[in-house]
Amino acid sequence: MTINFQTVHNGWKKKLDVIFCGCLTIFSFLQPASASEPKPWQMDLQEPAGIIATKATELHNFLLIVITLISVFVLGLLVYVCIKFREKPDVKPSKTSHNTLIEIVWTVVPVLILVVIAVPSFKLLYLTEADKPVDMVVKVSGAQWYWNYEYPDEEISFDSYIVAEEDLKGDQKRMLDVDNPLVVPEGTRIKFLITGNDVMHSFFVPSLALQVYSIAGRINEIWTEVPLGKKKYYGQCNQICGVNHAYMPIVIQALPKDEYETWLKEAKVKFAYIANKNTKKIALLDQKKVKEIK
């Protein structure tokens, strides 16, 4: 029986296509549908949410390609040099000490690479630092070891503590969920004013590309865009701020507009505060209490 090469080639091509499609399907099922939190054995970045996180992830992937090509090129040069200029009997090594062309190339090429990297880097930096119009402002205060969220326009303020492992309910996540999440409406641009009450903390939500230090006596600003969709975005303080550093997670809960308005009405009753500029608080250490003075 005569075997046609084209027939064999087509047969193997079909098999490879089936294998490739099968692997792609399995891989797609293994990927989490919602990646706003760290996953077991996760190797890649969390799924970006919003324009800043998307641009940052694109820059990361671009730089990964650049450094891979550079590493492969340098490895190839090392292998070539090791083989080409290895010690041989009765061979005198070259006495060449300067090569103008090579010196120009290894100076100009790295400069060009840095310029190529700088263009998207500066664009991303401008995007994060530019004073964009926002829909709402939230003040975030880091404390040992919890977060305080304040909505200046709505005159509400509340603390956010980690949910203890023995108190977890339903689908709450160990070491990640809190009693009072930061609730925001979906599809909203938000400016965060971040400060601290004591030591340095870090307001870090990777899926929204939020990474700002909270420092006592200083207010840092950052804005982000919460995309459409009801979703939780998880983060944690990643600044070593004390013995309970690992126990001050961050949860940003994005809700549809109507659900957010319902939550806001309840929050104005539950978390309302009365601003009184003439009132100050002092701590009486001997009596272990706080006293208000005017």
C-alpha atoms as a PDB file:
ATOM      1  CA  MET A   1       0.000   0.000   0.000  1.00  0.00           C
ATOM      2  CA  THR A   2       1.371   3.378  -1.017  1.00  0.00           C
ATOM      3  CA  ILE A   3       1.336   6.090   1.650  1.00  0.00           C
ATOM      4  CA  ASN A   4       0.836   9.602   0.360  1.00  0.00           C
ATOM      5  CA  PHE A   5       2.955  12.184   2.197  1.00  0.00           C
ATOM      6  CA  GLN A   6       0.253  14.835   1.832  1.00  0.00           C
ATOM      7  CA  THR A   7      -2.328  12.483   3.388  1.00  0.00           C
ATOM      8  CA  VAL A   8      -0.065  11.808   6.382  1.00  0.00           C
ATOM      9  CA  HIS A   9       0.650  15.525   6.756  1.00  0.00           C
ATOM     10  CA  ASN A  10      -3.042  16.425   6.716  1.00  0.00           C
ATOM     11  CA  GLY A  11      -3.815  13.676   9.203  1.00  0.00           C
ATOM     12  CA  TRP A  12      -1.244  14.893  11.699  1.00  0.00           C
ATOM     13  CA  LYS A  13      -2.350  18.487  11.160  1.00  0.00           C
ATOM     14  CA  LYS A  14      -5.915  17.582  12.095  1.00  0.00           C
ATOM     15  CA  LYS A  15      -4.726  15.732  15.208  1.00  0.00           C
ATOM     16  CA  LEU A  16      -2.600  18.671  16.307  1.00  0.00           C
ATOM     17  CA  ASP A  17      -5.522  21.046  15.738  1.00  0.00           C
ATOM     18  CA  VAL A  18      -7.763  18.860  17.909  1.00  0.00           C
ATOM     19  CA  ILE A  19      -5.130  18.654  20.665  1.00  0.00           C
ATOM     20  CA  PHE A  20      -4.564  22.421  20.548  1.00  0.00           C
ATOM     21  CA  CYS A  21      -8.280  23.217  20.721  1.00  0.00           C
ATOM     22  CA  GLY A  22      -8.732  20.763  23.581  1.00  0.00           C
ATOM     23  CA  CYS A  23      -5.884  22.289  25.588  1.00  0.00           C
ATOM     24  CA  LEU A  24      -7.234  25.768  24.912  1.00  0.00           C
ATOM     25  CA  THR A  25     -10.700  24.749  26.109  1.00  0.00           C
ATOM     26  CA  ILE A  26      -9.347  23.164  29.293  1.00  0.00           C
ATOM     27  CA  PHE A  27      -7.195  26.228  29.964  1.00  0.00           C
ATOM     28  CA  SER A  28     -10.183  28.538  29.543  1.00  0.00           C
ATOM     29  CA  PHE A  29     -12.186  26.527  32.077  1.00  0.00           C
ATOM     30  CA  LEU A  30      -9.316  26.638  34.542  1.00  0.00           C
ATOM     31  CA  GLN A  31      -9.210  30.416  34.403  1.00  0.00           C
ATOM     32  CA  PRO A  32     -11.308  32.110  37.096  1.00  0.00           C
ATOM     33  CA  ALA A  33     -14.362  33.999  35.956  1.00  0.00           C
ATOM     34  CA  SER A  34     -13.718  36.729  38.514  1.00  0.00           C
ATOM     35  CA  ALA A  35     -10.113  37.569  39.304  1.00  0.00           C
ATOM     36  CA  SER A  36     -10.422  40.478  41.719  1.00  0.00           C
ATOM     37  CA  GLU A  37      -8.775  38.433  44.449  1.00  0.00           C
ATOM     38  CA  PRO A  38      -5.650  36.250  44.796  1.00  0.00           C
ATOM     39  CA  LYS A  39      -6.204  32.664  43.674  1.00  0.00           C
ATOM     40  CA  PRO A  40      -4.462  29.459  44.823  1.00  0.00           C
ATOM     41  CA  TRP A  41      -1.378  28.769  42.670  1.00  0.00           C
ATOM     42  CA  GLN A  42      -1.960  31.952  40.685  1.00  0.00           C
ATOM     43  CA  MET A  43       1.063  32.764  38.488  1.00  0.00           C
ATOM     44  CA  ASP A  44      -0.108  35.788  36.528  1.00  0.00           C
ATOM     45  CA  LEU A  45      -1.370  39.212  37.535  1.00  0.00           C
ATOM     46  CA  GLN A  46      -4.965  39.626  38.637  1.00  0.00           C
ATOM     47  CA  GLU A  47      -7.421  40.503  35.897  1.00  0.00           C
ATOM     48  CA  PRO A  48      -7.213  44.295  35.417  1.00  0.00           C
ATOM     49  CA  ALA A  49     -10.276  46.436  36.070  1.00  0.00           C
ATOM     50  CA  GLY A  50     -10.451  49.987  34.751  1.00  0.00           C
ATOM     51  CA  ILE A  51      -8.280  51.919  32.322  1.00  0.00           C
ATOM     52  CA  ILE A  52      -5.272  52.388  34.651  1.00  0.00           C
ATOM     53  CA  ALA A  53      -5.025  48.715  35.561  1.00  0.00           C
ATOM     54  CA  THR A  54      -5.460  47.722  31.913  1.00  0.00           C
ATOM     55  CA  LYS A  55      -2.673  50.048  30.745  1.00  0.00           C
ATOM     56  CA  ALA A  56      -0.391  48.883  33.574  1.00  0.00           C
ATOM     57  CA  THR A  57      -0.947  45.232  32.637  1.00  0.00           C
ATOM     58  CA  GLU A  58      -0.253  45.976  28.966  1.00  0.00           C
ATOM     59  CA  LEU A  59       3.009  47.699  29.925  1.00  0.00           C
ATOM     60  CA  HIS A  60       3.958  44.743  32.125  1.00  0.00           C
ATOM     61  CA  ASN A  61       3.369  42.269  29.286  1.00  0.00           C
ATOM     62  CA  PHE A  62       5.339  44.445  26.849  1.00  0.00           C
ATOM     63  CA  LEU A  63       8.306  44.683  29.244  1.00  0.00           C
ATOM     64  CA  LEU A  64       8.183  40.927  29.766  1.00  0.00           C
ATOM     65  CA  ILE A  65       8.693  40.432  26.027  1.00  0.00           C
ATOM     66  CA  VAL A  66      11.533  42.978  25.945  1.00  0.00           C
ATOM     67  CA  ILE A  67      13.471  41.468  28.843  1.00  0.00           C
ATOM     68  CA  THR A  68      12.958  37.954  27.449  1.00  0.00           C
ATOM     69  CA  LEU A  69      14.432  38.955  24.078  1.00  0.00           C
ATOM     70  CA  ILE A  70      17.362  40.688  25.795  1.00  0.00           C
ATOM     71  CA  SER A  71      18.036  37.635  27.985  1.00  0.00           C
ATOM     72  CA  VAL A  72      17.928  35.262  25.018  1.00  0.00           C
ATOM     73  CA  PHE A  73      20.246  37.544  23.025  1.00  0.00           C
ATOM     74  CA  VAL A  74      22.797  37.812  25.850  1.00  0.00           C
ATOM     75  CA  LEU A  75      22.653  34.051  26.447  1.00  0.00           C
ATOM     76  CA  GLY A  76      23.266  33.472  22.733  1.00  0.00           C
ATOM     77  CA  LEU A  77      26.298  35.775  22.819  1.00  0.00           C
ATOM     78  CA  LEU A  78      27.725  33.947  25.835  1.00  0.00           C
ATOM     79  CA  VAL A  79      27.305  30.557  24.189  1.00  0.00           C
ATOM     80  CA  TYR A  80      28.884  31.865  20.956  1.00  0.00           C
ATOM     81  CA  VAL A  81      31.861  33.360  22.800  1.00  0.00           C
ATOM     82  CA  CYS A  82      32.383  30.197  24.865  1.00  0.00           C
ATOM     83  CA  ILE A  83      32.487  28.054  21.732  1.00  0.00           C
ATOM     84  CA  LYS A  84      34.255  30.448  19.368  1.00  0.00           C
ATOM     85  CA  PHE A  85      37.019  31.527  21.741  1.00  0.00           C
ATOM     86  CA  ARG A  86      37.537  28.377  23.772  1.00  0.00           C
ATOM     87  CA  GLU A  87      41.127  27.342  24.396  1.00  0.00           C
ATOM     88  CA  LYS A  88      42.688  25.415  21.504  1.00  0.00           C
ATOM     89  CA  PRO A  89      46.184  24.029  21.047  1.00  0.00           C
ATOM     90  CA  ASP A  90      48.553  25.968  18.805  1.00  0.00           C
ATOM     91  CA  VAL A  91      46.131  28.881  18.433  1.00  0.00           C
ATOM     92  CA  LYS A  92      47.152  32.379  19.442  1.00  0.00           C
ATOM     93  CA  PRO A  93      44.285  34.561  20.739  1.00  0.00           C
ATOM     94  CA  SER A  94      43.471  37.857  19.058  1.00  0.00           C
ATOM     95  CA  LYS A  95      45.095  40.954  20.527  1.00  0.00           C
ATOM     96  CA  THR A  96      42.283  43.262  19.411  1.00  0.00           C
ATOM     97  CA  SER A  97      41.366  45.620  22.275  1.00  0.00           C
ATOM     98  CA  HIS A  98      39.052  48.144  20.607  1.00  0.00           C
ATOM     99  CA  ASN A  99      36.295  47.978  18.031  1.00  0.00           C
ATOM    100  CA  THR A 100      34.664  51.296  17.245  1.00  0.00           C
ATOM    101  CA  LEU A 101      31.583  49.805  15.591  1.00  0.00           C
ATOM    102  CA  ILE A 102      30.841  47.434  18.483  1.00  0.00           C
ATOM    103  CA  GLU A 103      31.281  50.207  21.063  1.00  0.00           C
ATOM    104  CA  ILE A 104      28.875  52.466  19.162  1.00  0.00           C
ATOM    105  CA  VAL A 105      26.327  49.656  18.805  1.00  0.00           C
ATOM    106  CA  TRP A 106      26.350  48.622  22.467  1.00  0.00           C
ATOM    107  CA  THR A 107      25.875  52.251  23.472  1.00  0.00           C
ATOM    108  CA  VAL A 108      23.180  53.242  20.979  1.00  0.00           C
ATOM    109  CA  VAL A 109      21.066  50.072  21.131  1.00  0.00           C
ATOM    110  CA  PRO A 110      20.437  50.192  24.935  1.00  0.00           C
ATOM    111  CA  VAL A 111      19.552  53.885  24.626  1.00  0.00           C
ATOM    112  CA  LEU A 112      17.007  53.073  21.904  1.00  0.00           C
ATOM    113  CA  ILE A 113      15.560  50.280  24.045  1.00  0.00           C
ATOM    114  CA  LEU A 114      15.152  52.676  26.971  1.00  0.00           C
ATOM    115  CA  VAL A 115      13.446  55.217  24.719  1.00  0.00           C
ATOM    116  CA  VAL A 116      11.006  52.554  23.479  1.00  0.00           C
ATOM    117  CA  ILE A 117      10.238  51.596  27.093  1.00  0.00           C
ATOM    118  CA  ALA A 118       9.986  55.216  28.246  1.00  0.00           C
ATOM    119  CA  VAL A 119       7.177  56.190  25.855  1.00  0.00           C
ATOM    120  CA  PRO A 120       4.439  53.892  27.286  1.00  0.00           C
ATOM    121  CA  SER A 121       5.859  54.362  30.803  1.00  0.00           C
ATOM    122  CA  PHE A 122       5.474  58.147  30.670  1.00  0.00           C
ATOM    123  CA  LYS A 123       1.989  57.794  29.186  1.00  0.00           C
ATOM    124  CA  LEU A 124       0.928  55.566  32.085  1.00  0.00           C
ATOM    125  CA  LEU A 125       2.558  57.875  34.625  1.00  0.00           C
ATOM    126  CA  TYR A 126       0.722  60.877  33.172  1.00  0.00           C
ATOM    127  CA  LEU A 127      -2.552  58.961  33.217  1.00  0.00           C
ATOM    128  CA  THR A 128      -2.189  58.116  36.910  1.00  0.00           C
ATOM    129  CA  GLU A 129      -0.983  61.553  37.991  1.00  0.00           C
ATOM    130  CA  ALA A 130      -3.249  63.743  35.842  1.00  0.00           C
ATOM    131  CA  ASP A 131      -6.069  65.507  37.678  1.00  0.00           C
ATOM    132  CA  LYS A 132      -8.999  63.835  35.945  1.00  0.00           C
ATOM    133  CA  PRO A 133     -12.634  64.815  36.624  1.00  0.00           C
ATOM    134  CA  VAL A 134     -14.131  62.367  39.124  1.00  0.00           C
ATOM    135  CA  ASP A 135     -17.623  61.415  40.240  1.00  0.00           C
ATOM    136  CA  MET A 136     -16.939  61.042  43.958  1.00  0.00           C
ATOM    137  CA  VAL A 137     -14.253  61.452  46.618  1.00  0.00           C
ATOM    138  CA  VAL A 138     -13.428  59.000  49.387  1.00  0.00           C
ATOM    139  CA  LYS A 139     -11.020  59.622  52.243  1.00  0.00           C
ATOM    140  CA  VAL A 140      -9.113  56.538  53.414  1.00  0.00           C
ATOM    141  CA  SER A 141      -7.272  56.465  56.752  1.00  0.00           C
ATOM    142  CA  GLY A 142      -4.993  53.622  57.746  1.00  0.00           C
ATOM    143  CA  ALA A 143      -4.800  52.679  61.430  1.00  0.00           C
ATOM    144  CA  GLN A 144      -3.394  49.839  63.537  1.00  0.00           C
ATOM    145  CA  TRP A 145      -4.868  47.553  62.231  1.00  0.00           C
ATOM    146  CA  TYR A 146      -7.963  48.530  60.275  1.00  0.00           C
ATOM    147  CA  TRP A 147      -9.161  51.062  57.706  1.00  0.00           C
ATOM    148  CA  ASN A 148     -11.459  54.032  58.096  1.00  0.00           C
ATOM    149  CA  TYR A 149     -13.498  55.205  55.109  1.00  0.00           C
ATOM    150  CA  GLU A 150     -15.062  58.644  54.962  1.00  0.00           C
ATOM    151  CA  TYR A 151     -17.470  60.016  52.337  1.00  0.00           C
ATOM    152  CA  PRO A 152     -17.085  63.813  52.744  1.00  0.00           C
ATOM    153  CA  ASP A 153     -19.976  64.691  50.437  1.00  0.00           C
ATOM    154  CA  GLU A 154     -22.339  62.293  52.195  1.00  0.00           C
ATOM    155  CA  GLU A 155     -21.067  62.997  55.741  1.00  0.00           C
ATOM    156  CA  ILE A 156     -20.622  59.352  56.688  1.00  0.00           C
ATOM    157  CA  SER A 157     -17.608  57.572  58.106  1.00  0.00           C
ATOM    158  CA  PHE A 158     -17.010  54.010  59.284  1.00  0.00           C
ATOM    159  CA  ASP A 159     -14.256  51.569  60.231  1.00  0.00           C
ATOM    160  CA  SER A 160     -13.515  48.377  58.333  1.00  0.00           C
ATOM    161  CA  TYR A 161     -12.155  45.375  60.259  1.00  0.00           C
ATOM    162  CA  ILE A 162     -11.202  41.893  59.106  1.00  0.00           C
ATOM    163  CA  VAL A 163     -13.778  39.156  59.705  1.00  0.00           C
ATOM    164  CA  ALA A 164     -12.337  36.657  62.170  1.00  0.00           C
ATOM    165  CA  GLU A 165     -12.018  33.101  60.919  1.00  0.00           C
ATOM    166  CA  GLU A 166     -14.586  31.777  63.407  1.00  0.00           C
ATOM    167  CA  ASP A 167     -17.092  34.436  62.274  1.00  0.00           C
ATOM    168  CA  LEU A 168     -16.954  33.742  58.528  1.00  0.00           C
ATOM    169  CA  LYS A 169     -20.343  33.261  56.911  1.00  0.00           C
ATOM    170  CA  GLY A 170     -21.479  32.048  53.481  1.00  0.00           C
ATOM    171  CA  ASP A 171     -18.943  32.756  50.768  1.00  0.00           C
ATOM    172  CA  GLN A 172     -16.805  35.113  52.878  1.00  0.00           C
ATOM    173  CA  LYS A 173     -13.101  34.578  52.334  1.00  0.00           C
ATOM    174  CA  ARG A 174     -10.618  33.921  55.100  1.00  0.00           C
ATOM    175  CA  MET A 175      -8.118  36.766  55.655  1.00  0.00           C
ATOM    176  CA  LEU A 176      -9.776  38.858  52.917  1.00  0.00           C
ATOM    177  CA  ASP A 177     -13.334  39.780  53.880  1.00  0.00           C
ATOM    178  CA  VAL A 178     -14.261  42.631  56.211  1.00  0.00           C
ATOM    179  CA  ASP A 179     -17.285  43.637  58.264  1.00  0.00           C
ATOM    180  CA  ASN A 180     -17.836  46.955  56.434  1.00  0.00           C
ATOM    181  CA  PRO A 181     -16.525  47.087  52.847  1.00  0.00           C
ATOM    182  CA  LEU A 182     -15.948  50.312  50.949  1.00  0.00           C
ATOM    183  CA  VAL A 183     -19.117  50.522  48.840  1.00  0.00           C
ATOM    184  CA  VAL A 184     -19.041  52.467  45.558  1.00  0.00           C
ATOM    185  CA  PRO A 185     -21.325  52.675  42.516  1.00  0.00           C
ATOM    186  CA  GLU A 186     -20.273  50.810  39.393  1.00  0.00           C
ATOM    187  CA  GLY A 187     -18.951  52.694  36.368  1.00  0.00           C
ATOM    188  CA  THR A 188     -17.568  55.485  38.536  1.00  0.00           C
ATOM    189  CA  ARG A 189     -14.365  57.499  38.641  1.00  0.00           C
ATOM    190  CA  ILE A 190     -13.242  57.883  42.228  1.00  0.00           C
ATOM    191  CA  LYS A 191     -10.550  60.017  43.829  1.00  0.00           C
ATOM    192  CA  PHE A 192      -9.031  58.565  46.991  1.00  0.00           C
ATOM    193  CA  LEU A 193      -7.511  60.857  49.614  1.00  0.00           C
ATOM    194  CA  ILE A 194      -5.263  58.584  51.634  1.00  0.00           C
ATOM    195  CA  THR A 195      -3.724  59.377  54.996  1.00  0.00           C
ATOM    196  CA  GLY A 196      -2.668  57.582  58.174  1.00  0.00           C
ATOM    197  CA  ASN A 197      -3.419  57.751  61.879  1.00  0.00           C
ATOM    198  CA  ASP A 198      -0.211  56.215  63.221  1.00  0.00           C
ATOM    199  CA  VAL A 199       2.444  54.179  61.418  1.00  0.00           C
ATOM    200  CA  MET A 200       2.794  53.854  57.652  1.00  0.00           C
ATOM    201  CA  HIS A 201       0.287  51.598  55.900  1.00  0.00           C
ATOM    202  CA  SER A 202      -0.342  50.827  52.226  1.00  0.00           C
ATOM    203  CA  PHE A 203      -3.675  50.978  50.422  1.00  0.00           C
ATOM    204  CA  PHE A 204      -3.147  48.214  47.859  1.00  0.00           C
ATOM    205  CA  VAL A 205      -5.851  46.845  45.535  1.00  0.00           C
ATOM    206  CA  PRO A 206      -4.018  45.156  42.627  1.00  0.00           C
ATOM    207  CA  SER A 207      -6.954  44.585  40.269  1.00  0.00           C
ATOM    208  CA  LEU A 208      -7.692  48.350  40.308  1.00  0.00           C
ATOM    209  CA  ALA A 209      -3.983  49.303  40.186  1.00  0.00           C
ATOM    210  CA  LEU A 210      -4.216  51.086  43.537  1.00  0.00           C
ATOM    211  CA  GLN A 211      -0.957  51.277  45.493  1.00  0.00           C
ATOM    212  CA  VAL A 212      -0.566  54.296  47.780  1.00  0.00           C
ATOM    213  CA  TYR A 213       1.051  54.705  51.172  1.00  0.00           C
ATOM    214  CA  SER A 214      -0.985  56.136  54.027  1.00  0.00           C
ATOM    215  CA  ILE A 215       1.250  58.422  56.069  1.00  0.00           C
ATOM    216  CA  ALA A 216       0.231  60.311  59.203  1.00  0.00           C
ATOM    217  CA  GLY A 217       0.150  64.069  58.654  1.00  0.00           C
ATOM    218  CA  ARG A 218       0.140  63.760  54.868  1.00  0.00           C
ATOM    219  CA  ILE A 219      -2.594  63.206  52.270  1.00  0.00           C
ATOM    220  CA  ASN A 220      -1.763  61.279  49.107  1.00  0.00           C
ATOM    221  CA  GLU A 221      -4.128  61.295  46.138  1.00  0.00           C
ATOM    222  CA  ILE A 222      -4.923  58.694  43.515  1.00  0.00           C
ATOM    223  CA  TRP A 223      -7.867  58.111  41.223  1.00  0.00           C
ATOM    224  CA  THR A 224      -9.240  54.980  39.683  1.00  0.00           C
ATOM    225  CA  GLU A 225     -12.081  53.880  37.466  1.00  0.00           C
ATOM    226  CA  VAL A 226     -14.435  51.213  38.777  1.00  0.00           C
ATOM    227  CA  PRO A 227     -15.887  49.447  35.715  1.00  0.00           C
ATOM    228  CA  LEU A 228     -19.479  48.358  35.241  1.00  0.00           C
ATOM    229  CA  GLY A 229     -20.553  45.214  37.016  1.00  0.00           C
ATOM    230  CA  LYS A 230     -21.426  44.175  40.549  1.00  0.00           C
ATOM    231  CA  LYS A 231     -18.170  42.910  41.932  1.00  0.00           C
ATOM    232  CA  LYS A 232     -15.821  42.815  44.919  1.00  0.00           C
ATOM    233  CA  TYR A 233     -12.234  43.977  44.622  1.00  0.00           C
ATOM    234  CA  TYR A 234      -9.916  42.609  47.280  1.00  0.00           C
ATOM    235  CA  GLY A 235      -6.670  44.042  48.550  1.00  0.00           C
ATOM    236  CA  GLN A 236      -4.413  44.100  51.600  1.00  0.00           C
ATOM    237  CA  CYS A 237      -1.953  46.380  53.324  1.00  0.00           C
ATOM    238  CA  ASN A 238       1.430  45.367  51.887  1.00  0.00           C
ATOM    239  CA  GLN A 239       3.495  47.636  54.136  1.00  0.00           C
ATOM    240  CA  ILE A 240       4.915  45.867  57.192  1.00  0.00           C
ATOM    241  CA  CYS A 241       3.084  48.008  59.757  1.00  0.00           C
ATOM    242  CA  GLY A 242       3.248  45.904  62.917  1.00  0.00           C
ATOM    243  CA  VAL A 243       2.290  42.595  64.467  1.00  0.00           C
ATOM    244  CA  ASN A 244      -1.184  42.586  62.864  1.00  0.00           C
ATOM    245  CA  HIS A 245       0.045  43.721  59.460  1.00  0.00           C
ATOM    246  CA  ALA A 246      -1.506  40.673  57.787  1.00  0.00           C
ATOM    247  CA  TYR A 247      -4.936  41.359  59.305  1.00  0.00           C
ATOM    248  CA  MET A 248      -6.076  44.585  57.641  1.00  0.00           C
ATOM    249  CA  PRO A 249      -7.565  43.603  54.269  1.00  0.00           C
ATOM    250  CA  ILE A 250      -9.369  45.938  51.872  1.00  0.00           C
ATOM    251  CA  VAL A 251     -12.680  45.209  50.173  1.00  0.00           C
ATOM    252  CA  ILE A 252     -14.184  47.551  47.584  1.00  0.00           C
ATOM    253  CA  GLN A 253     -17.748  46.554  46.748  1.00  0.00           C
ATOM    254  CA  ALA A 254     -19.064  47.893  43.430  1.00  0.00           C
ATOM    255  CA  LEU A 255     -22.866  48.005  43.249  1.00  0.00           C
ATOM    256  CA  PRO A 256     -25.395  49.048  40.593  1.00  0.00           C
ATOM    257  CA  LYS A 257     -26.622  52.627  40.974  1.00  0.00           C
ATOM    258  CA  ASP A 258     -29.976  51.692  42.519  1.00  0.00           C
ATOM    259  CA  GLU A 259     -28.419  49.268  45.011  1.00  0.00           C
ATOM    260  CA  TYR A 260     -25.810  51.857  45.924  1.00  0.00           C
ATOM    261  CA  GLU A 261     -28.489  54.467  46.602  1.00  0.00           C
ATOM    262  CA  THR A 262     -30.304  51.996  48.859  1.00  0.00           C
ATOM    263  CA  TRP A 263     -27.077  51.251  50.743  1.00  0.00           C
ATOM    264  CA  LEU A 264     -26.328  54.982  51.034  1.00  0.00           C
ATOM    265  CA  LYS A 265     -29.685  55.715  52.669  1.00  0.00           C
ATOM    266  CA  GLU A 266     -29.052  53.023  55.268  1.00  0.00           C
ATOM    267  CA  ALA A 267     -25.419  54.126  55.725  1.00  0.00           C
ATOM    268  CA  LYS A 268     -26.439  57.732  56.413  1.00  0.00           C
ATOM    269  CA  VAL A 269     -28.400  56.470  59.394  1.00  0.00           C
ATOM    270  CA  LYS A 270     -25.875  53.874  60.541  1.00  0.00           C
ATOM    271  CA  PHE A 271     -22.611  55.742  59.932  1.00  0.00           C
ATOM    272  CA  ALA A 272     -23.619  59.425  60.108  1.00  0.00           C
ATOM    273  CA  TYR A 273     -21.278  61.837  61.845  1.00  0.00           C
ATOM    274  CA  ILE A 274     -21.740  65.412  62.999  1.00  0.00           C
ATOM    275  CA  ALA A 275     -18.885  67.683  62.053  1.00  0.00           C
ATOM    276  CA  ASN A 276     -17.965  70.120  64.813  1.00  0.00           C
ATOM    277  CA  LYS A 277     -14.813  72.086  64.109  1.00  0.00           C
ATOM    278  CA  ASN A 278     -14.746  73.530  67.640  1.00  0.00           C
ATOM    279  CA  THR A 279     -14.647  70.118  69.314  1.00  0.00           C
ATOM    280  CA  LYS A 280     -11.380  68.305  69.961  1.00  0.00           C
ATOM    281  CA  LYS A 281     -10.647  64.974  71.578  1.00  0.00           C
ATOM    282  CA  ILE A 282      -7.909  64.174  74.069  1.00  0.00           C
ATOM    283  CA  ALA A 283      -6.887  60.809  75.478  1.00  0.00           C
ATOM    284  CA  LEU A 284      -6.838  60.516  79.265  1.00  0.00           C
ATOM    285  CA  LEU A 285      -4.347  57.707  79.753  1.00  0.00           C
ATOM    286  CA  ASP A 286      -4.816  57.387  83.503  1.00  0.00           C
ATOM    287  CA  GLN A 287      -8.602  57.018  83.121  1.00  0.00           C
ATOM    288  CA  LYS A 288      -8.325  55.050  79.861  1.00  0.00           C
ATOM    289  CA  LYS A 289     -10.957  57.086  78.061  1.00  0.00           C
ATOM    290  CA  VAL A 290     -11.330  59.839  75.466  1.00  0.00           C
ATOM    291  CA  LYS A 291     -12.691  63.233  76.488  1.00  0.00           C
ATOM    292  CA  GLU A 292     -14.159  65.848  74.163  1.00  0.00           C
ATOM    293  CA  ILE A 293     -13.220  69.475  74.776  1.00  0.00           C
ATOM    294  CA  LYS A 294     -14.327  72.698  73.075  1.00  0.00           C
END
